[in-house]
Amino acid sequence: MTIIEVYGPLRERLGWSKKQVHITSDKTTLARILEEVGLKEIILDEREQIREGYIVLINGIHAQFKGHGKAIVRNKDTISIFPPGGGG
């Protein structure tokens, strides 16, 4: 089972802060997981790159260093998603 945690205004937008996702393959990608929970279009662009401003961590390592949407996610991994910051 993989845990997805969302932070900041993304929590209010989605109505949840943590979800559990069952992974059945060792070759499951971040894009596939995000699609399963309805976040793919929000987090990834058409090339499956993480959209500017978002920080996506897989077990504390930025997913951009693991291949963006093509990053492999395994059972018991934790995905943490931080939306773009705002302020002024």
PDB file of N, CA and C in Angstrom:
ATOM      1  N   MET A   1       0.843  -1.172   0.000  1.00  0.00           N
ATOM      2  CA  MET A   1       0.000   0.000   0.000  1.00  0.00           C
ATOM      3  C   MET A   1       0.893   1.241   0.000  1.00  0.00           C
ATOM      4  N   THR A   2       0.560   2.203  -0.812  1.00  0.00           N
ATOM      5  CA  THR A   2       1.284   3.457  -0.910  1.00  0.00           C
ATOM      6  C   THR A   2       0.429   4.571  -0.321  1.00  0.00           C
ATOM      7  N   ILE A   3       1.077   5.515   0.342  1.00  0.00           N
ATOM      8  CA  ILE A   3       0.378   6.647   0.947  1.00  0.00           C
ATOM      9  C   ILE A   3       0.627   7.888   0.091  1.00  0.00           C
ATOM     10  N   ILE A   4      -0.435   8.642  -0.182  1.00  0.00           N
ATOM     11  CA  ILE A   4      -0.318   9.939  -0.839  1.00  0.00           C
ATOM     12  C   ILE A   4      -0.755  10.990   0.169  1.00  0.00           C
ATOM     13  N   GLU A   5       0.119  11.968   0.408  1.00  0.00           N
ATOM     14  CA  GLU A   5      -0.179  13.073   1.313  1.00  0.00           C
ATOM     15  C   GLU A   5      -0.177  14.364   0.507  1.00  0.00           C
ATOM     16  N   VAL A   6      -1.183  15.199   0.744  1.00  0.00           N
ATOM     17  CA  VAL A   6      -1.230  16.504   0.080  1.00  0.00           C
ATOM     18  C   VAL A   6      -1.219  17.597   1.146  1.00  0.00           C
ATOM     19  N   TYR A   7      -0.664  18.744   0.787  1.00  0.00           N
ATOM     20  CA  TYR A   7      -0.474  19.826   1.749  1.00  0.00           C
ATOM     21  C   TYR A   7      -1.020  21.145   1.215  1.00  0.00           C
ATOM     22  N   GLY A   8      -1.122  22.103   2.127  1.00  0.00           N
ATOM     23  CA  GLY A   8      -1.531  23.460   1.776  1.00  0.00           C
ATOM     24  C   GLY A   8      -2.936  23.525   1.210  1.00  0.00           C
ATOM     25  N   PRO A   9      -3.160  24.477   0.303  1.00  0.00           N
ATOM     26  CA  PRO A   9      -4.493  24.677  -0.263  1.00  0.00           C
ATOM     27  C   PRO A   9      -5.004  23.473  -1.056  1.00  0.00           C
ATOM     28  N   LEU A  10      -4.093  22.596  -1.438  1.00  0.00           N
ATOM     29  CA  LEU A  10      -4.507  21.391  -2.166  1.00  0.00           C
ATOM     30  C   LEU A  10      -5.401  20.518  -1.291  1.00  0.00           C
ATOM     31  N   ARG A  11      -5.163  20.524   0.014  1.00  0.00           N
ATOM     32  CA  ARG A  11      -6.017  19.762   0.937  1.00  0.00           C
ATOM     33  C   ARG A  11      -7.473  20.228   0.862  1.00  0.00           C
ATOM     34  N   GLU A  12      -7.663  21.548   0.917  1.00  0.00           N
ATOM     35  CA  GLU A  12      -9.020  22.086   0.876  1.00  0.00           C
ATOM     36  C   GLU A  12      -9.673  21.820  -0.484  1.00  0.00           C
ATOM     37  N   ARG A  13      -8.894  21.978  -1.525  1.00  0.00           N
ATOM     38  CA  ARG A  13      -9.416  21.764  -2.884  1.00  0.00           C
ATOM     39  C   ARG A  13      -9.900  20.330  -3.081  1.00  0.00           C
ATOM     40  N   LEU A  14      -9.153  19.370  -2.556  1.00  0.00           N
ATOM     41  CA  LEU A  14      -9.479  17.958  -2.748  1.00  0.00           C
ATOM     42  C   LEU A  14     -10.423  17.408  -1.683  1.00  0.00           C
ATOM     43  N   GLY A  15     -10.394  18.011  -0.496  1.00  0.00           N
ATOM     44  CA  GLY A  15     -11.225  17.505   0.586  1.00  0.00           C
ATOM     45  C   GLY A  15     -10.608  16.332   1.333  1.00  0.00           C
ATOM     46  N   TRP A  16      -9.332  16.100   1.136  1.00  0.00           N
ATOM     47  CA  TRP A  16      -8.617  15.049   1.863  1.00  0.00           C
ATOM     48  C   TRP A  16      -7.149  15.438   2.002  1.00  0.00           C
ATOM     49  N   SER A  17      -6.490  14.852   2.994  1.00  0.00           N
ATOM     50  CA  SER A  17      -5.075  15.142   3.204  1.00  0.00           C
ATOM     51  C   SER A  17      -4.191  13.914   3.005  1.00  0.00           C
ATOM     52  N   LYS A  18      -4.802  12.732   3.085  1.00  0.00           N
ATOM     53  CA  LYS A  18      -4.034  11.501   2.945  1.00  0.00           C
ATOM     54  C   LYS A  18      -4.913  10.416   2.333  1.00  0.00           C
ATOM     55  N   LYS A  19      -4.342   9.676   1.389  1.00  0.00           N
ATOM     56  CA  LYS A  19      -5.037   8.536   0.774  1.00  0.00           C
ATOM     57  C   LYS A  19      -4.102   7.358   0.711  1.00  0.00           C
ATOM     58  N   GLN A  20      -4.687   6.178   0.752  1.00  0.00           N
ATOM     59  CA  GLN A  20      -3.932   4.944   0.568  1.00  0.00           C
ATOM     60  C   GLN A  20      -4.281   4.372  -0.797  1.00  0.00           C
ATOM     61  N   VAL A  21      -3.255   3.939  -1.522  1.00  0.00           N
ATOM     62  CA  VAL A  21      -3.451   3.366  -2.850  1.00  0.00           C
ATOM     63  C   VAL A  21      -2.778   1.999  -2.869  1.00  0.00           C
ATOM     64  N   HIS A  22      -3.487   1.016  -3.383  1.00  0.00           N
ATOM     65  CA  HIS A  22      -2.924  -0.327  -3.498  1.00  0.00           C
ATOM     66  C   HIS A  22      -2.164  -0.441  -4.812  1.00  0.00           C
ATOM     67  N   ILE A  23      -0.933  -0.902  -4.734  1.00  0.00           N
ATOM     68  CA  ILE A  23      -0.094  -1.087  -5.912  1.00  0.00           C
ATOM     69  C   ILE A  23       0.078  -2.585  -6.136  1.00  0.00           C
ATOM     70  N   THR A  24      -0.172  -3.009  -7.360  1.00  0.00           N
ATOM     71  CA  THR A  24      -0.086  -4.442  -7.663  1.00  0.00           C
ATOM     72  C   THR A  24       1.124  -4.792  -8.515  1.00  0.00           C
ATOM     73  N   SER A  25       1.906  -3.789  -8.947  1.00  0.00           N
ATOM     74  CA  SER A  25       3.049  -4.047  -9.811  1.00  0.00           C
ATOM     75  C   SER A  25       4.267  -3.265  -9.319  1.00  0.00           C
ATOM     76  N   ASP A  26       5.443  -3.833  -9.527  1.00  0.00           N
ATOM     77  CA  ASP A  26       6.679  -3.134  -9.182  1.00  0.00           C
ATOM     78  C   ASP A  26       7.058  -2.099 -10.235  1.00  0.00           C
ATOM     79  N   LYS A  27       6.246  -1.977 -11.275  1.00  0.00           N
ATOM     80  CA  LYS A  27       6.547  -1.026 -12.349  1.00  0.00           C
ATOM     81  C   LYS A  27       5.474   0.059 -12.450  1.00  0.00           C
ATOM     82  N   THR A  28       4.804   0.332 -11.357  1.00  0.00           N
ATOM     83  CA  THR A  28       3.785   1.371 -11.336  1.00  0.00           C
ATOM     84  C   THR A  28       4.468   2.731 -11.341  1.00  0.00           C
ATOM     85  N   THR A  29       3.997   3.636 -12.193  1.00  0.00           N
ATOM     86  CA  THR A  29       4.613   4.959 -12.274  1.00  0.00           C
ATOM     87  C   THR A  29       3.852   5.974 -11.434  1.00  0.00           C
ATOM     88  N   LEU A  30       4.532   7.060 -11.149  1.00  0.00           N
ATOM     89  CA  LEU A  30       3.902   8.167 -10.438  1.00  0.00           C
ATOM     90  C   LEU A  30       2.680   8.659 -11.212  1.00  0.00           C
ATOM     91  N   ALA A  31       2.806   8.767 -12.530  1.00  0.00           N
ATOM     92  CA  ALA A  31       1.683   9.227 -13.355  1.00  0.00           C
ATOM     93  C   ALA A  31       0.461   8.334 -13.178  1.00  0.00           C
ATOM     94  N   ARG A  32       0.671   7.040 -13.128  1.00  0.00           N
ATOM     95  CA  ARG A  32      -0.443   6.087 -12.973  1.00  0.00           C
ATOM     96  C   ARG A  32      -1.120   6.262 -11.607  1.00  0.00           C
ATOM     97  N   ILE A  33      -0.321   6.442 -10.569  1.00  0.00           N
ATOM     98  CA  ILE A  33      -0.870   6.644  -9.228  1.00  0.00           C
ATOM     99  C   ILE A  33      -1.670   7.945  -9.178  1.00  0.00           C
ATOM    100  N   LEU A  34      -1.096   9.011  -9.737  1.00  0.00           N
ATOM    101  CA  LEU A  34      -1.794  10.299  -9.731  1.00  0.00           C
ATOM    102  C   LEU A  34      -3.087  10.230 -10.523  1.00  0.00           C
ATOM    103  N   GLU A  35      -3.078   9.479 -11.607  1.00  0.00           N
ATOM    104  CA  GLU A  35      -4.293   9.302 -12.403  1.00  0.00           C
ATOM    105  C   GLU A  35      -5.369   8.582 -11.591  1.00  0.00           C
ATOM    106  N   GLU A  36      -4.956   7.583 -10.857  1.00  0.00           N
ATOM    107  CA  GLU A  36      -5.894   6.792 -10.053  1.00  0.00           C
ATOM    108  C   GLU A  36      -6.624   7.639  -9.011  1.00  0.00           C
ATOM    109  N   VAL A  37      -5.952   8.647  -8.457  1.00  0.00           N
ATOM    110  CA  VAL A  37      -6.586   9.485  -7.435  1.00  0.00           C
ATOM    111  C   VAL A  37      -7.068  10.831  -7.992  1.00  0.00           C
ATOM    112  N   GLY A  38      -7.042  10.987  -9.316  1.00  0.00           N
ATOM    113  CA  GLY A  38      -7.583  12.196  -9.943  1.00  0.00           C
ATOM    114  C   GLY A  38      -6.682  13.414  -9.871  1.00  0.00           C
ATOM    115  N   LEU A  39      -5.370  13.200  -9.729  1.00  0.00           N
ATOM    116  CA  LEU A  39      -4.446  14.328  -9.614  1.00  0.00           C
ATOM    117  C   LEU A  39      -3.525  14.512 -10.821  1.00  0.00           C
ATOM    118  N   LYS A  40      -3.559  13.588 -11.751  1.00  0.00           N
ATOM    119  CA  LYS A  40      -2.600  13.631 -12.858  1.00  0.00           C
ATOM    120  C   LYS A  40      -2.661  14.945 -13.628  1.00  0.00           C
ATOM    121  N   GLU A  41      -3.842  15.386 -14.006  1.00  0.00           N
ATOM    122  CA  GLU A  41      -3.985  16.614 -14.798  1.00  0.00           C
ATOM    123  C   GLU A  41      -3.572  17.857 -14.010  1.00  0.00           C
ATOM    124  N   ILE A  42      -3.694  17.788 -12.703  1.00  0.00           N
ATOM    125  CA  ILE A  42      -3.326  18.922 -11.851  1.00  0.00           C
ATOM    126  C   ILE A  42      -1.809  19.006 -11.686  1.00  0.00           C
ATOM    127  N   ILE A  43      -1.166  17.874 -11.468  1.00  0.00           N
ATOM    128  CA  ILE A  43       0.249  17.833 -11.096  1.00  0.00           C
ATOM    129  C   ILE A  43       1.184  17.712 -12.301  1.00  0.00           C
ATOM    130  N   LEU A  44       0.788  16.949 -13.316  1.00  0.00           N
ATOM    131  CA  LEU A  44       1.672  16.690 -14.454  1.00  0.00           C
ATOM    132  C   LEU A  44       1.175  17.368 -15.722  1.00  0.00           C
ATOM    133  N   ASP A  45       2.120  17.799 -16.567  1.00  0.00           N
ATOM    134  CA  ASP A  45       1.738  18.362 -17.862  1.00  0.00           C
ATOM    135  C   ASP A  45       1.583  17.239 -18.891  1.00  0.00           C
ATOM    136  N   GLU A  46       1.379  17.594 -20.139  1.00  0.00           N
ATOM    137  CA  GLU A  46       1.123  16.596 -21.190  1.00  0.00           C
ATOM    138  C   GLU A  46       2.339  15.701 -21.459  1.00  0.00           C
ATOM    139  N   ARG A  47       3.527  16.128 -21.056  1.00  0.00           N
ATOM    140  CA  ARG A  47       4.740  15.311 -21.224  1.00  0.00           C
ATOM    141  C   ARG A  47       5.069  14.515 -19.957  1.00  0.00           C
ATOM    142  N   GLU A  48       4.134  14.544 -19.006  1.00  0.00           N
ATOM    143  CA  GLU A  48       4.285  13.888 -17.702  1.00  0.00           C
ATOM    144  C   GLU A  48       5.435  14.467 -16.887  1.00  0.00           C
ATOM    145  N   GLN A  49       5.678  15.754 -17.061  1.00  0.00           N
ATOM    146  CA  GLN A  49       6.633  16.488 -16.244  1.00  0.00           C
ATOM    147  C   GLN A  49       5.849  17.159 -15.114  1.00  0.00           C
ATOM    148  N   ILE A  50       6.458  17.280 -13.964  1.00  0.00           N
ATOM    149  CA  ILE A  50       5.801  17.943 -12.840  1.00  0.00           C
ATOM    150  C   ILE A  50       5.644  19.422 -13.189  1.00  0.00           C
ATOM    151  N   ARG A  51       4.426  19.927 -13.022  1.00  0.00           N
ATOM    152  CA  ARG A  51       4.145  21.322 -13.348  1.00  0.00           C
ATOM    153  C   ARG A  51       4.953  22.261 -12.452  1.00  0.00           C
ATOM    154  N   GLU A  52       5.288  23.412 -13.018  1.00  0.00           N
ATOM    155  CA  GLU A  52       6.071  24.411 -12.303  1.00  0.00           C
ATOM    156  C   GLU A  52       5.391  24.798 -10.991  1.00  0.00           C
ATOM    157  N   GLY A  53       6.176  24.862  -9.948  1.00  0.00           N
ATOM    158  CA  GLY A  53       5.678  25.271  -8.638  1.00  0.00           C
ATOM    159  C   GLY A  53       5.328  24.114  -7.725  1.00  0.00           C
ATOM    160  N   TYR A  54       4.976  22.972  -8.292  1.00  0.00           N
ATOM    161  CA  TYR A  54       4.627  21.808  -7.470  1.00  0.00           C
ATOM    162  C   TYR A  54       5.903  21.097  -7.009  1.00  0.00           C
ATOM    163  N   ILE A  55       5.857  20.610  -5.807  1.00  0.00           N
ATOM    164  CA  ILE A  55       6.929  19.765  -5.289  1.00  0.00           C
ATOM    165  C   ILE A  55       6.302  18.408  -4.989  1.00  0.00           C
ATOM    166  N   VAL A  56       6.849  17.379  -5.609  1.00  0.00           N
ATOM    167  CA  VAL A  56       6.370  16.014  -5.403  1.00  0.00           C
ATOM    168  C   VAL A  56       7.555  15.186  -4.916  1.00  0.00           C
ATOM    169  N   LEU A  57       7.400  14.629  -3.735  1.00  0.00           N
ATOM    170  CA  LEU A  57       8.453  13.810  -3.141  1.00  0.00           C
ATOM    171  C   LEU A  57       8.009  12.357  -3.077  1.00  0.00           C
ATOM    172  N   ILE A  58       8.929  11.466  -3.386  1.00  0.00           N
ATOM    173  CA  ILE A  58       8.700  10.034  -3.200  1.00  0.00           C
ATOM    174  C   ILE A  58       9.713   9.592  -2.153  1.00  0.00           C
ATOM    175  N   ASN A  59       9.215   9.256  -0.984  1.00  0.00           N
ATOM    176  CA  ASN A  59      10.079   8.910   0.161  1.00  0.00           C
ATOM    177  C   ASN A  59      11.114   9.996   0.429  1.00  0.00           C
ATOM    178  N   GLY A  60      10.693  11.255   0.312  1.00  0.00           N
ATOM    179  CA  GLY A  60      11.557  12.374   0.632  1.00  0.00           C
ATOM    180  C   GLY A  60      12.477  12.826  -0.491  1.00  0.00           C
ATOM    181  N   ILE A  61      12.450  12.153  -1.641  1.00  0.00           N
ATOM    182  CA  ILE A  61      13.292  12.524  -2.778  1.00  0.00           C
ATOM    183  C   ILE A  61      12.412  13.129  -3.862  1.00  0.00           C
ATOM    184  N   HIS A  62      12.828  14.287  -4.368  1.00  0.00           N
ATOM    185  CA  HIS A  62      12.031  14.983  -5.370  1.00  0.00           C
ATOM    186  C   HIS A  62      11.852  14.088  -6.601  1.00  0.00           C
ATOM    187  N   ALA A  63      10.621  13.923  -7.033  1.00  0.00           N
ATOM    188  CA  ALA A  63      10.311  13.036  -8.156  1.00  0.00           C
ATOM    189  C   ALA A  63      10.958  13.494  -9.457  1.00  0.00           C
ATOM    190  N   GLN A  64      11.325  14.768  -9.582  1.00  0.00           N
ATOM    191  CA  GLN A  64      11.978  15.219 -10.811  1.00  0.00           C
ATOM    192  C   GLN A  64      13.326  14.510 -10.983  1.00  0.00           C
ATOM    193  N   PHE A  65      13.957  14.120  -9.894  1.00  0.00           N
ATOM    194  CA  PHE A  65      15.234  13.419  -9.960  1.00  0.00           C
ATOM    195  C   PHE A  65      15.054  11.927 -10.218  1.00  0.00           C
ATOM    196  N   LYS A  66      13.804  11.478 -10.204  1.00  0.00           N
ATOM    197  CA  LYS A  66      13.510  10.066 -10.436  1.00  0.00           C
ATOM    198  C   LYS A  66      12.755   9.858 -11.744  1.00  0.00           C
ATOM    199  N   GLY A  67      12.598  10.937 -12.537  1.00  0.00           N
ATOM    200  CA  GLY A  67      11.938  10.779 -13.833  1.00  0.00           C
ATOM    201  C   GLY A  67      10.575  11.423 -13.941  1.00  0.00           C
ATOM    202  N   HIS A  68      10.250  12.344 -13.031  1.00  0.00           N
ATOM    203  CA  HIS A  68       8.950  13.033 -13.043  1.00  0.00           C
ATOM    204  C   HIS A  68       7.822  11.998 -13.000  1.00  0.00           C
ATOM    205  N   GLY A  69       6.890  12.065 -13.943  1.00  0.00           N
ATOM    206  CA  GLY A  69       5.751  11.149 -13.961  1.00  0.00           C
ATOM    207  C   GLY A  69       6.122   9.708 -14.243  1.00  0.00           C
ATOM    208  N   LYS A  70       7.312   9.503 -14.787  1.00  0.00           N
ATOM    209  CA  LYS A  70       7.773   8.146 -15.092  1.00  0.00           C
ATOM    210  C   LYS A  70       8.481   7.494 -13.905  1.00  0.00           C
ATOM    211  N   ALA A  71       8.598   8.220 -12.807  1.00  0.00           N
ATOM    212  CA  ALA A  71       9.239   7.672 -11.606  1.00  0.00           C
ATOM    213  C   ALA A  71       8.492   6.424 -11.141  1.00  0.00           C
ATOM    214  N   ILE A  72       9.241   5.412 -10.765  1.00  0.00           N
ATOM    215  CA  ILE A  72       8.638   4.168 -10.286  1.00  0.00           C
ATOM    216  C   ILE A  72       8.234   4.326  -8.821  1.00  0.00           C
ATOM    217  N   VAL A  73       7.014   3.904  -8.536  1.00  0.00           N
ATOM    218  CA  VAL A  73       6.484   3.929  -7.165  1.00  0.00           C
ATOM    219  C   VAL A  73       6.241   2.486  -6.747  1.00  0.00           C
ATOM    220  N   ARG A  74       6.718   2.159  -5.574  1.00  0.00           N
ATOM    221  CA  ARG A  74       6.585   0.786  -5.076  1.00  0.00           C
ATOM    222  C   ARG A  74       5.676   0.740  -3.852  1.00  0.00           C
ATOM    223  N   ASN A  75       5.271  -0.453  -3.542  1.00  0.00           N
ATOM    224  CA  ASN A  75       4.456  -0.676  -2.359  1.00  0.00           C
ATOM    225  C   ASN A  75       5.189  -0.132  -1.131  1.00  0.00           C
ATOM    226  N   LYS A  76       4.482   0.517  -0.249  1.00  0.00           N
ATOM    227  CA  LYS A  76       4.974   1.116   0.996  1.00  0.00           C
ATOM    228  C   LYS A  76       5.697   2.443   0.798  1.00  0.00           C
ATOM    229  N   ASP A  77       5.745   2.966  -0.438  1.00  0.00           N
ATOM    230  CA  ASP A  77       6.314   4.298  -0.658  1.00  0.00           C
ATOM    231  C   ASP A  77       5.334   5.353  -0.161  1.00  0.00           C
ATOM    232  N   THR A  78       5.858   6.527   0.134  1.00  0.00           N
ATOM    233  CA  THR A  78       5.031   7.672   0.502  1.00  0.00           C
ATOM    234  C   THR A  78       5.266   8.775  -0.515  1.00  0.00           C
ATOM    235  N   ILE A  79       4.179   9.282  -1.087  1.00  0.00           N
ATOM    236  CA  ILE A  79       4.226  10.389  -2.037  1.00  0.00           C
ATOM    237  C   ILE A  79       3.682  11.618  -1.322  1.00  0.00           C
ATOM    238  N   SER A  80       4.480  12.675  -1.287  1.00  0.00           N
ATOM    239  CA  SER A  80       4.068  13.927  -0.651  1.00  0.00           C
ATOM    240  C   SER A  80       3.979  14.995  -1.729  1.00  0.00           C
ATOM    241  N   ILE A  81       2.860  15.719  -1.759  1.00  0.00           N
ATOM    242  CA  ILE A  81       2.632  16.726  -2.807  1.00  0.00           C
ATOM    243  C   ILE A  81       2.393  18.088  -2.165  1.00  0.00           C
ATOM    244  N   PHE A  82       3.212  19.049  -2.571  1.00  0.00           N
ATOM    245  CA  PHE A  82       3.109  20.424  -2.089  1.00  0.00           C
ATOM    246  C   PHE A  82       2.743  21.306  -3.277  1.00  0.00           C
ATOM    247  N   PRO A  83       1.644  22.053  -3.199  1.00  0.00           N
ATOM    248  CA  PRO A  83       1.245  22.932  -4.308  1.00  0.00           C
ATOM    249  C   PRO A  83       2.118  24.179  -4.347  1.00  0.00           C
ATOM    250  N   PRO A  84       2.030  24.922  -5.455  1.00  0.00           N
ATOM    251  CA  PRO A  84       2.798  26.169  -5.536  1.00  0.00           C
ATOM    252  C   PRO A  84       2.460  27.082  -4.370  1.00  0.00           C
ATOM    253  N   GLY A  85       3.488  27.748  -3.859  1.00  0.00           N
ATOM    254  CA  GLY A  85       3.280  28.685  -2.766  1.00  0.00           C
ATOM    255  C   GLY A  85       2.776  30.009  -3.289  1.00  0.00           C
ATOM    256  N   GLY A  86       2.105  30.719  -2.475  1.00  0.00           N
ATOM    257  CA  GLY A  86       1.601  32.042  -2.858  1.00  0.00           C
ATOM    258  C   GLY A  86       1.913  33.035  -1.747  1.00  0.00           C
ATOM    259  N   GLY A  87       1.523  34.183  -1.966  1.00  0.00           N
ATOM    260  CA  GLY A  87       1.744  35.181  -0.929  1.00  0.00           C
ATOM    261  C   GLY A  87       2.077  36.518  -1.538  1.00  0.00           C
ATOM    262  N   GLY A  88       2.365  37.411  -0.717  1.00  0.00           N
ATOM    263  CA  GLY A  88       2.676  38.707  -1.271  1.00  0.00           C
ATOM    264  C   GLY A  88       2.861  39.738  -0.252  1.00  0.00           C
TER     265      GLY A  88
END
